[in-house]
Amino acid sequence: MKNTHIEHPEDSILTGDLSVLDWFCSMKGAKASLKIDGAPAVVWGTNPATGNFFVGTKSVFNKVKLKINESHDDIRRNHPDPDLRKKLHACFDFLPHTDDIIQGDFIGFGGDHTYQPNTLVYSFPEVIDQEIIIAPHTVYDAPTGLLKDAIASALDYDLQSDDDVLFVKPNVEFGVTTAIIEKCKFARQMAQLVKFVDKKGKRDLEKKLNQCIKEGINTGIDNNLISFWKLVKSIKHDFLNQFVHDGEFATFVYDGDTIQQTDGEGYVMWNSIGTYKLIDREVFSQANFNTKAYWMV
C-alpha cells in the first residue's frame, strides 16, 4: 500500500464503506503488530537512487523537498532541531546497514530502564545497555527507484539486536470469536437504517469526534450514523480483547496527576481485506491529544 494514513475501523464506515465488517471476521493472511508510541519515526536503509546508506524521518518520502541523509553533514543541513539531529546522528552511526528500506519508532538512548518518547511510558525490567532503542514496524519497496514513490507493507521478519541497537518488536497473537462474527452480521442489518455522509462530511465529522475524544465528552450528536459508529467501535473493543503480546516491558499513561497501566498504544492488523489500527481512543488517543512532556525517569 502507499505510505498513507491508517484508519480507525469505526471512522471507515462514515461514508457507507462496510468492508471493515468483513475485515473483523477474516483471518486470511491476518497478521498484527504492536504499535509503539515512539518519536520520531526513523527511516533507514539503502537509497535506491544512489545505492548509499541513509537515515531520515518520514520526510524522506516528500514529493518535493526530500530530506534524505547519507552523511552527518546531510543531517546538519536538513534538520535544524538539535534534539532531532542528535537522534539521527546516533541512528546513522548505529543502525545496521541493510538493502531494505525500514521504518521504526525511536524509543530512546541506552543507559536507563524507563522511557517516555511521546505519550506513553515504557518501563523495561533492566537498564538498557545498547546505544539506541528502535521499534521497527514497516518495510518499503521502491519500484521506481525513488523514495517518494515507495510502497509500504508490514515488517514481517525480526531484526536482530546487537551491542549498539535494541530492536523492540513483540510477537502478537489474536483471533476472531463467534460473538464478533455475529455482531458484525447485526451491524450489517443496522446499516440499512443509516444515512451516511460523503468524503467532505466524513472529514468534518471526524474533526468533531476527535474533539469530543480530546475533551472526554459525549459526542452530543444523536442520529443513526453516530449510533452505528459507536456499534462498530464496540466491535473494535471486543476484537481488541482478543489481542496479546509478549513485550518484555510495562506500559503506562501518565498525565501529570495520575498514572495508569495500559496494554500499549494498540495494534495494527492487516489481512487480505485491508489494514486498520486498533486503539482504545478513550485511553490512548485522549492522552495523546493532551500530551505534555511531564517526566523522564
Protein backbone atom coordinates (compact mmCIF):
# COMPACT_ATOMS: atom_id res chain seq x y z
CA MET A 1 0.00 0.00 0.00
CA LYS A 2 1.07 3.60 -0.45
CA ASN A 3 2.60 5.40 2.52
CA THR A 4 -0.80 6.67 3.71
CA HIS A 5 -2.72 7.20 6.93
CA ILE A 6 -4.13 4.04 8.54
CA GLU A 7 -7.73 4.48 9.71
CA HIS A 8 -9.66 3.57 12.83
CA PRO A 9 -12.26 0.89 11.91
CA GLU A 10 -15.17 2.97 13.21
CA ASP A 11 -14.19 6.02 11.15
CA SER A 12 -14.00 3.99 7.94
CA ILE A 13 -17.78 3.33 7.92
CA LEU A 14 -18.86 7.00 7.90
CA THR A 15 -19.25 7.09 4.11
CA GLY A 16 -21.04 3.74 3.97
CA ASP A 17 -17.99 1.57 3.26
CA LEU A 18 -18.77 -1.56 5.30
CA SER A 19 -15.74 -3.63 4.25
CA VAL A 20 -14.32 -3.35 7.77
CA LEU A 21 -17.10 -5.67 8.97
CA ASP A 22 -15.65 -8.38 6.73
CA TRP A 23 -12.16 -7.39 7.90
CA PHE A 24 -13.08 -8.05 11.55
CA CYS A 25 -14.14 -11.61 10.64
CA SER A 26 -11.33 -12.68 8.30
CA MET A 27 -8.15 -14.49 9.35
CA LYS A 28 -7.00 -14.94 5.74
CA GLY A 29 -3.44 -13.62 5.65
CA ALA A 30 -4.05 -11.99 9.02
CA LYS A 31 -1.06 -10.61 10.92
CA ALA A 32 -0.70 -7.93 13.56
CA SER A 33 1.95 -5.79 15.20
CA LEU A 34 2.01 -3.85 18.45
CA LYS A 35 2.01 -0.07 17.92
CA ILE A 36 4.90 1.54 19.78
CA ASP A 37 4.50 5.20 20.74
CA GLY A 38 7.99 6.38 19.85
CA ALA A 39 9.27 9.65 18.40
CA PRO A 40 10.46 10.44 15.90
CA ALA A 41 9.63 7.93 13.17
CA VAL A 42 13.01 6.92 11.72
CA VAL A 43 13.51 5.56 8.20
CA TRP A 44 16.78 3.92 7.18
CA GLY A 45 18.30 1.57 4.63
CA THR A 46 19.68 1.80 1.13
CA ASN A 47 18.64 4.74 -1.04
CA PRO A 48 17.59 3.08 -4.33
CA ALA A 49 18.51 6.23 -6.26
CA THR A 50 22.16 6.23 -5.12
CA GLY A 51 22.88 2.85 -3.55
CA ASN A 52 24.06 4.61 -0.36
CA PHE A 53 23.02 4.02 3.24
CA PHE A 54 20.72 6.73 4.61
CA VAL A 55 18.67 7.69 7.65
CA GLY A 56 15.87 10.20 7.98
CA THR A 57 12.38 10.93 9.18
CA LYS A 58 9.23 10.43 7.11
CA SER A 59 10.37 13.50 5.16
CA VAL A 60 12.46 11.09 3.04
CA PHE A 61 9.13 10.39 1.28
CA ASN A 62 8.41 14.06 0.48
CA LYS A 63 7.31 14.71 -3.09
CA VAL A 64 9.30 17.94 -3.45
CA LYS A 65 11.79 18.78 -0.68
CA LEU A 66 13.45 15.46 0.08
CA LYS A 67 15.44 15.18 3.30
CA ILE A 68 17.47 12.02 2.72
CA ASN A 69 20.59 11.92 4.90
CA GLU A 70 23.53 9.96 3.51
CA SER A 71 26.08 11.67 5.80
CA HIS A 72 26.31 13.57 9.06
CA ASP A 73 26.65 16.76 7.00
CA ASP A 74 23.27 16.00 5.40
CA ILE A 75 21.72 15.66 8.86
CA ARG A 76 23.13 19.02 9.98
CA ARG A 77 21.91 20.70 6.80
CA ASN A 78 18.43 19.15 6.68
CA HIS A 79 17.40 19.20 10.34
CA PRO A 80 17.91 22.37 12.44
CA ASP A 81 16.30 20.95 15.62
CA PRO A 82 19.17 19.87 17.92
CA ASP A 83 17.24 17.04 19.61
CA LEU A 84 16.24 15.51 16.27
CA ARG A 85 19.79 15.94 14.98
CA LYS A 86 21.19 14.06 17.98
CA LYS A 87 18.84 11.13 17.39
CA LEU A 88 19.50 10.95 13.65
CA HIS A 89 23.29 11.18 14.15
CA ALA A 90 23.06 8.20 16.52
CA CYS A 91 20.85 6.29 14.08
CA PHE A 92 23.33 6.96 11.28
CA ASP A 93 26.18 5.63 13.42
CA PHE A 94 24.50 2.61 14.98
CA LEU A 95 21.69 1.26 12.79
CA PRO A 96 22.81 -1.77 10.75
CA HIS A 97 23.17 -1.30 7.02
CA THR A 98 20.55 -3.17 5.01
CA ASP A 99 19.43 -3.45 1.41
CA ASP A 100 15.85 -2.84 2.57
CA ILE A 101 14.09 0.42 3.47
CA ILE A 102 12.75 0.16 7.02
CA GLN A 103 10.76 2.44 9.30
CA GLY A 104 10.64 2.29 13.08
CA ASP A 105 9.94 4.45 16.12
CA PHE A 106 12.77 5.88 18.19
CA ILE A 107 12.23 4.99 21.86
CA GLY A 108 15.39 6.42 23.39
CA PHE A 109 19.10 6.20 24.16
CA GLY A 110 20.50 3.42 26.30
CA GLY A 111 21.51 3.81 29.93
CA ASP A 112 18.06 3.79 31.57
CA HIS A 113 15.13 1.44 32.05
CA THR A 114 12.19 3.88 31.76
CA TYR A 115 11.41 5.95 28.67
CA GLN A 116 8.72 8.39 27.58
CA PRO A 117 9.44 9.13 23.91
CA ASN A 118 5.97 10.57 23.32
CA THR A 119 2.71 9.96 25.22
CA LEU A 120 3.27 6.53 26.76
CA VAL A 121 5.87 5.50 29.33
CA TYR A 122 7.78 2.25 28.73
CA SER A 123 9.38 0.53 31.71
CA PHE A 124 11.90 -2.23 30.93
CA PRO A 125 12.91 -4.80 33.58
CA GLU A 126 16.60 -3.85 33.34
CA VAL A 127 18.73 -0.91 32.28
CA ILE A 128 19.26 -0.92 28.51
CA ASP A 129 22.92 -1.42 27.58
CA GLN A 130 22.65 -0.62 23.86
CA GLU A 131 23.23 2.84 22.42
CA ILE A 132 19.71 3.28 20.97
CA ILE A 133 16.29 1.59 21.16
CA ILE A 134 14.19 1.28 17.99
CA ALA A 135 10.78 -0.32 17.39
CA PRO A 136 10.74 -1.37 13.69
CA HIS A 137 7.37 -1.96 12.02
CA THR A 138 7.31 -1.14 8.28
CA VAL A 139 9.31 -2.07 5.19
CA TYR A 140 9.13 -0.26 1.85
CA ASP A 141 9.56 -1.21 -1.78
CA ALA A 142 10.59 1.47 -4.28
CA PRO A 143 9.77 0.05 -7.73
CA THR A 144 10.51 3.37 -9.49
CA GLY A 145 13.85 3.77 -7.73
CA LEU A 146 12.58 6.84 -5.85
CA LEU A 147 11.68 7.02 -2.17
CA LYS A 148 8.79 9.41 -2.91
CA ASP A 149 7.05 6.53 -4.71
CA ALA A 150 7.76 3.94 -2.01
CA ILE A 151 5.08 1.38 -1.20
CA ALA A 152 4.67 0.31 2.44
CA SER A 153 3.99 -3.12 3.89
CA ALA A 154 4.21 -4.51 7.39
CA LEU A 155 7.63 -5.71 8.51
CA ASP A 156 7.03 -9.45 8.87
CA TYR A 157 10.54 -10.50 9.89
CA ASP A 158 12.59 -9.83 13.00
CA LEU A 159 15.65 -7.61 13.20
CA GLN A 160 18.42 -8.93 15.43
CA SER A 161 19.53 -6.69 18.28
CA ASP A 162 23.27 -6.22 18.75
CA ASP A 163 25.63 -4.31 21.04
CA ASP A 164 24.54 -0.99 19.54
CA VAL A 165 20.80 -1.32 18.86
CA LEU A 166 17.96 -2.89 20.84
CA PHE A 167 15.15 -3.70 18.42
CA VAL A 168 11.74 -3.93 20.12
CA LYS A 169 9.22 -5.93 18.07
CA PRO A 170 6.94 -8.08 20.29
CA ASN A 171 5.10 -11.09 18.90
CA VAL A 172 1.31 -10.68 18.76
CA GLU A 173 -1.38 -13.34 18.99
CA PHE A 174 -5.09 -12.82 18.32
CA GLY A 175 -8.20 -14.48 16.97
CA VAL A 176 -11.81 -13.96 15.90
CA THR A 177 -14.71 -15.16 18.06
CA THR A 178 -18.19 -16.28 17.09
CA ALA A 179 -19.60 -13.37 19.09
CA ILE A 180 -17.66 -10.87 16.93
CA ILE A 181 -18.87 -12.52 13.73
CA GLU A 182 -22.50 -12.38 14.91
CA LYS A 183 -22.12 -8.75 15.98
CA CYS A 184 -20.81 -7.87 12.51
CA LYS A 185 -23.85 -9.55 10.94
CA PHE A 186 -26.09 -7.46 13.18
CA ALA A 187 -24.18 -4.31 12.18
CA ARG A 188 -24.83 -5.01 8.50
CA GLN A 189 -28.55 -5.17 9.23
CA MET A 190 -28.43 -1.92 11.20
CA ALA A 191 -26.56 -0.19 8.37
CA GLN A 192 -29.74 -0.29 6.27
CA LEU A 193 -31.22 2.35 8.61
CA VAL A 194 -28.24 4.71 8.42
CA LYS A 195 -27.82 7.83 6.30
CA PHE A 196 -24.09 8.04 5.55
CA VAL A 197 -22.06 11.11 4.55
CA ASP A 198 -19.77 11.97 1.64
CA LYS A 199 -15.98 12.39 1.93
CA LYS A 200 -16.22 16.04 2.99
CA GLY A 201 -18.87 15.18 5.57
CA LYS A 202 -16.62 12.41 6.83
CA ARG A 203 -13.69 14.81 7.34
CA ASP A 204 -15.92 17.29 9.19
CA LEU A 205 -17.40 14.57 11.38
CA GLU A 206 -14.00 13.10 12.20
CA LYS A 207 -12.86 16.53 13.45
CA LYS A 208 -15.90 16.75 15.74
CA LEU A 209 -15.43 13.21 17.02
CA ASN A 210 -11.72 13.79 17.71
CA GLN A 211 -12.55 16.98 19.59
CA CYS A 212 -15.03 15.05 21.76
CA ILE A 213 -12.40 12.38 22.45
CA LYS A 214 -9.83 15.08 23.30
CA GLU A 215 -12.20 16.73 25.78
CA GLY A 216 -13.52 13.44 27.16
CA ILE A 217 -17.15 14.33 26.45
CA ASN A 218 -20.09 12.68 24.71
CA THR A 219 -20.42 13.40 21.00
CA GLY A 220 -23.64 15.35 21.60
CA ILE A 221 -24.78 14.09 18.20
CA ASP A 222 -27.81 11.83 18.29
CA ASN A 223 -28.51 10.17 14.97
CA ASN A 224 -28.36 6.74 13.37
CA LEU A 225 -24.89 7.33 11.90
CA ILE A 226 -23.30 8.10 15.28
CA SER A 227 -25.13 5.15 16.85
CA PHE A 228 -23.74 2.94 14.09
CA TRP A 229 -20.25 4.45 14.59
CA LYS A 230 -20.50 3.53 18.29
CA LEU A 231 -21.62 -0.02 17.39
CA VAL A 232 -18.58 -0.54 15.14
CA LYS A 233 -16.35 0.95 17.85
CA SER A 234 -17.76 -1.60 20.31
CA ILE A 235 -16.90 -4.39 17.86
CA LYS A 236 -13.36 -2.99 17.73
CA HIS A 237 -13.10 -3.16 21.52
CA ASP A 238 -14.37 -6.75 21.52
CA PHE A 239 -11.71 -7.53 18.92
CA LEU A 240 -9.01 -5.72 20.90
CA ASN A 241 -9.74 -8.01 23.85
CA GLN A 242 -8.51 -10.95 21.75
CA PHE A 243 -5.00 -9.50 21.33
CA VAL A 244 -1.98 -10.30 23.50
CA HIS A 245 1.73 -9.61 23.03
CA ASP A 246 4.96 -10.84 24.63
CA GLY A 247 6.74 -7.49 25.02
CA GLU A 248 9.18 -7.51 27.95
CA PHE A 249 8.18 -4.10 29.26
CA ALA A 250 5.32 -2.46 31.12
CA THR A 251 3.40 0.43 29.56
CA PHE A 252 1.80 3.37 31.37
CA VAL A 253 -0.19 6.52 30.64
CA TYR A 254 0.82 9.44 32.85
CA ASP A 255 -0.95 12.81 32.74
CA GLY A 256 0.99 14.61 35.45
CA ASP A 257 -1.52 13.70 38.15
CA THR A 258 -2.29 10.01 37.78
CA ILE A 259 -0.57 7.00 36.27
CA GLN A 260 -2.46 4.17 34.64
CA GLN A 261 -1.05 0.92 33.32
CA THR A 262 -2.20 0.07 29.82
CA ASP A 263 -1.65 -2.66 27.24
CA GLY A 264 0.03 -0.11 24.99
CA GLU A 265 -0.98 2.22 22.19
CA GLY A 266 -2.81 -0.56 20.37
CA TYR A 267 -2.23 -2.74 17.34
CA VAL A 268 -2.11 -2.61 13.56
CA MET A 269 -3.76 -5.62 11.96
CA TRP A 270 -3.76 -6.46 8.28
CA ASN A 271 -5.33 -9.25 6.27
CA SER A 272 -6.43 -9.88 2.68
CA ILE A 273 -9.14 -7.20 3.03
CA GLY A 274 -7.10 -4.30 4.36
CA THR A 275 -5.19 -2.66 7.21
CA TYR A 276 -6.60 -0.80 10.23
CA LYS A 277 -5.31 0.39 13.59
CA LEU A 278 -6.94 -0.84 16.78
CA ILE A 279 -6.65 1.76 19.54
CA ASP A 280 -8.58 2.44 22.73
CA ARG A 281 -9.19 6.07 21.87
CA GLU A 282 -10.69 6.94 25.25
CA VAL A 283 -7.38 5.95 26.89
CA PHE A 284 -4.53 6.47 24.45
CA SER A 285 -5.95 8.97 21.95
CA GLN A 286 -7.27 11.29 24.65
CA ALA A 287 -3.88 11.22 26.38
CA ASN A 288 -2.13 11.75 23.05
CA PHE A 289 -4.29 14.76 22.18
CA ASN A 290 -3.48 16.33 25.56
CA THR A 291 0.08 15.09 26.00
CA LYS A 292 2.76 17.16 27.71
CA ALA A 293 6.37 16.26 28.35
CA TYR A 294 5.79 15.56 32.03
CA TRP A 295 8.57 13.24 33.06
CA MET A 296 11.60 11.18 32.27
CA VAL A 297 12.72 8.77 34.97
